Amino acid sequence: MKEILAVIFIFGTPALVALIVFGFVLLRYNQRQRTIRLALEKGVDVSPLLAERAAESLDPRKYVLRGLLWGLPGILIGVGVTWSAILHDKPYFAVLGWIPAAVGAAYLIFYRMGLAHKNGAADASLASTTLAPPDRTSE
């Protein structure tokens, strides 16, 4: 009985969190669609509403934040799962613990590639080595 409750807790908690987050994302999407629909019905130009969303999605700093939020806890999770797997003689489970760190690394790599593309470099090795966004005052 305890094993069943442990499995339900282990898999149920992340699923519940994901459902709550998905619910809020869906609610925000529906409110945005309703706002745009009302603006269209009243004859208001909706291009500022759409441009605001497009500009928000182009901000490269969000990839650094996501990379750090996935990567740093992912490293701790990876170390903990690896240590636990070694203690219980099941080292093949250690790979699963490093998945969040890999997702964080992917976000940081994506951010760096975006900076290299934005700076006009042919490949990422020619880009500057800082994680700061490019200076926008010269544009």
Protein backbone atom coordinates (compact mmCIF):
# COMPACT_ATOMS: atom_id res chain seq x y z
CA MET A 1 0.00 0.00 0.00
CA LYS A 2 2.83 2.40 0.86
CA GLU A 3 4.51 1.69 -2.47
CA ILE A 4 1.34 2.57 -4.38
CA LEU A 5 0.94 5.82 -2.47
CA ALA A 6 4.60 6.67 -3.08
CA VAL A 7 4.21 6.12 -6.83
CA ILE A 8 1.01 8.17 -6.92
CA PHE A 9 2.72 10.98 -5.02
CA ILE A 10 5.88 10.89 -7.14
CA PHE A 11 4.01 10.99 -10.45
CA GLY A 12 0.87 12.79 -9.31
CA THR A 13 2.51 15.88 -7.87
CA PRO A 14 4.36 16.92 -11.05
CA ALA A 15 1.27 16.10 -13.12
CA LEU A 16 -0.87 18.29 -10.86
CA VAL A 17 1.63 21.15 -11.09
CA ALA A 18 1.71 20.81 -14.88
CA LEU A 19 -2.10 20.88 -15.05
CA ILE A 20 -2.25 24.01 -12.90
CA VAL A 21 0.37 25.79 -15.02
CA PHE A 22 -1.38 24.69 -18.22
CA GLY A 23 -4.67 25.99 -16.84
CA PHE A 24 -3.20 29.44 -16.21
CA VAL A 25 -1.58 29.54 -19.65
CA LEU A 26 -4.87 28.57 -21.26
CA LEU A 27 -6.74 31.20 -19.23
CA ARG A 28 -4.29 33.91 -20.30
CA TYR A 29 -4.56 32.81 -23.94
CA ASN A 30 -8.37 32.92 -23.81
CA GLN A 31 -8.37 36.37 -22.21
CA ARG A 32 -6.00 37.65 -24.89
CA GLN A 33 -8.16 36.23 -27.67
CA ARG A 34 -11.26 37.79 -26.12
CA THR A 35 -9.52 41.17 -25.92
CA ILE A 36 -8.48 41.00 -29.57
CA ARG A 37 -11.97 39.88 -30.62
CA LEU A 38 -13.59 42.79 -28.74
CA ALA A 39 -11.11 45.22 -30.28
CA LEU A 40 -11.95 43.93 -33.76
CA GLU A 41 -15.69 44.23 -33.08
CA LYS A 42 -15.27 47.84 -31.97
CA GLY A 43 -13.09 48.68 -34.98
CA VAL A 44 -9.91 49.36 -32.98
CA ASP A 45 -6.56 48.68 -34.65
CA VAL A 46 -5.24 45.46 -33.12
CA SER A 47 -1.71 45.72 -34.48
CA PRO A 48 -0.33 47.18 -31.20
CA LEU A 49 -1.73 44.17 -29.33
CA LEU A 50 -0.16 41.73 -31.75
CA ALA A 51 3.14 43.65 -31.93
CA GLU A 52 3.38 43.61 -28.14
CA ARG A 53 3.24 39.81 -28.11
CA ALA A 54 5.77 39.50 -30.95
CA ALA A 55 8.23 41.83 -29.23
CA GLU A 56 7.82 39.89 -26.00
CA SER A 57 8.71 36.60 -27.68
CA LEU A 58 11.91 38.01 -29.21
CA ASP A 59 13.58 38.88 -25.92
CA PRO A 60 16.70 36.68 -25.76
CA ARG A 61 17.16 37.10 -22.00
CA LYS A 62 14.30 34.72 -21.33
CA TYR A 63 16.46 31.89 -22.67
CA VAL A 64 19.17 32.67 -20.13
CA LEU A 65 16.58 32.64 -17.36
CA ARG A 66 15.11 29.36 -18.56
CA GLY A 67 18.57 27.89 -18.98
CA LEU A 68 19.54 28.79 -15.43
CA LEU A 69 16.19 27.67 -14.00
CA TRP A 70 16.53 24.28 -15.68
CA GLY A 71 20.31 23.90 -15.48
CA LEU A 72 21.21 24.74 -11.89
CA PRO A 73 18.55 22.58 -10.21
CA GLY A 74 19.22 19.99 -12.91
CA ILE A 75 22.82 19.72 -11.79
CA LEU A 76 21.71 19.15 -8.20
CA ILE A 77 19.09 16.62 -9.29
CA GLY A 78 21.64 14.87 -11.49
CA VAL A 79 24.16 14.60 -8.68
CA GLY A 80 21.50 13.35 -6.26
CA VAL A 81 20.09 10.75 -8.64
CA THR A 82 23.58 9.60 -9.63
CA TRP A 83 24.59 9.24 -5.99
CA SER A 84 21.40 7.35 -5.19
CA ALA A 85 21.78 5.11 -8.25
CA ILE A 86 25.34 4.23 -7.27
CA LEU A 87 24.32 3.47 -3.69
CA HIS A 88 21.53 1.15 -4.86
CA ASP A 89 23.66 -0.55 -7.55
CA LYS A 90 21.51 0.71 -10.43
CA PRO A 91 23.84 3.07 -12.30
CA TYR A 92 21.71 3.08 -15.46
CA PHE A 93 19.15 5.27 -13.64
CA ALA A 94 21.75 8.02 -13.28
CA VAL A 95 21.14 9.19 -16.85
CA LEU A 96 17.55 10.19 -16.03
CA GLY A 97 18.70 12.62 -13.37
CA TRP A 98 20.76 14.64 -15.84
CA ILE A 99 17.87 15.40 -18.24
CA PRO A 100 16.96 18.77 -16.59
CA ALA A 101 20.60 19.88 -16.74
CA ALA A 102 20.68 18.96 -20.44
CA VAL A 103 17.53 21.01 -21.07
CA GLY A 104 19.14 23.98 -19.30
CA ALA A 105 22.30 23.59 -21.35
CA ALA A 106 20.19 23.49 -24.52
CA TYR A 107 18.51 26.79 -23.59
CA LEU A 108 21.89 28.43 -22.94
CA ILE A 109 23.28 27.10 -26.23
CA PHE A 110 20.19 28.38 -28.04
CA TYR A 111 20.73 31.80 -26.43
CA ARG A 112 24.39 31.87 -27.51
CA MET A 113 23.51 30.86 -31.05
CA GLY A 114 20.88 33.61 -31.15
CA LEU A 115 23.48 36.16 -30.05
CA ALA A 116 25.91 34.94 -32.70
CA HIS A 117 23.22 35.25 -35.36
CA LYS A 118 22.18 38.70 -34.11
CA ASN A 119 25.78 39.96 -34.07
CA GLY A 120 26.29 38.77 -37.64
CA ALA A 121 28.85 36.08 -36.82
CA ALA A 122 29.06 33.13 -39.17
CA ASP A 123 29.25 30.67 -36.29
CA ALA A 124 28.95 30.77 -32.51
CA SER A 125 32.73 30.69 -31.97
CA LEU A 126 33.04 34.22 -33.39
CA ALA A 127 30.48 35.69 -31.01
CA SER A 128 31.49 37.48 -27.84
CA THR A 129 31.90 35.27 -24.80
CA THR A 130 29.58 37.21 -22.47
CA LEU A 131 26.01 36.23 -21.72
CA ALA A 132 24.87 39.85 -21.78
CA PRO A 133 22.47 40.85 -24.55
CA PRO A 134 23.92 43.01 -27.34
CA ASP A 135 23.96 46.76 -26.92
CA ARG A 136 20.76 48.13 -28.47
CA THR A 137 21.76 51.81 -28.36
CA SER A 138 23.77 51.57 -31.58
CA GLU A 139 20.74 50.43 -33.64
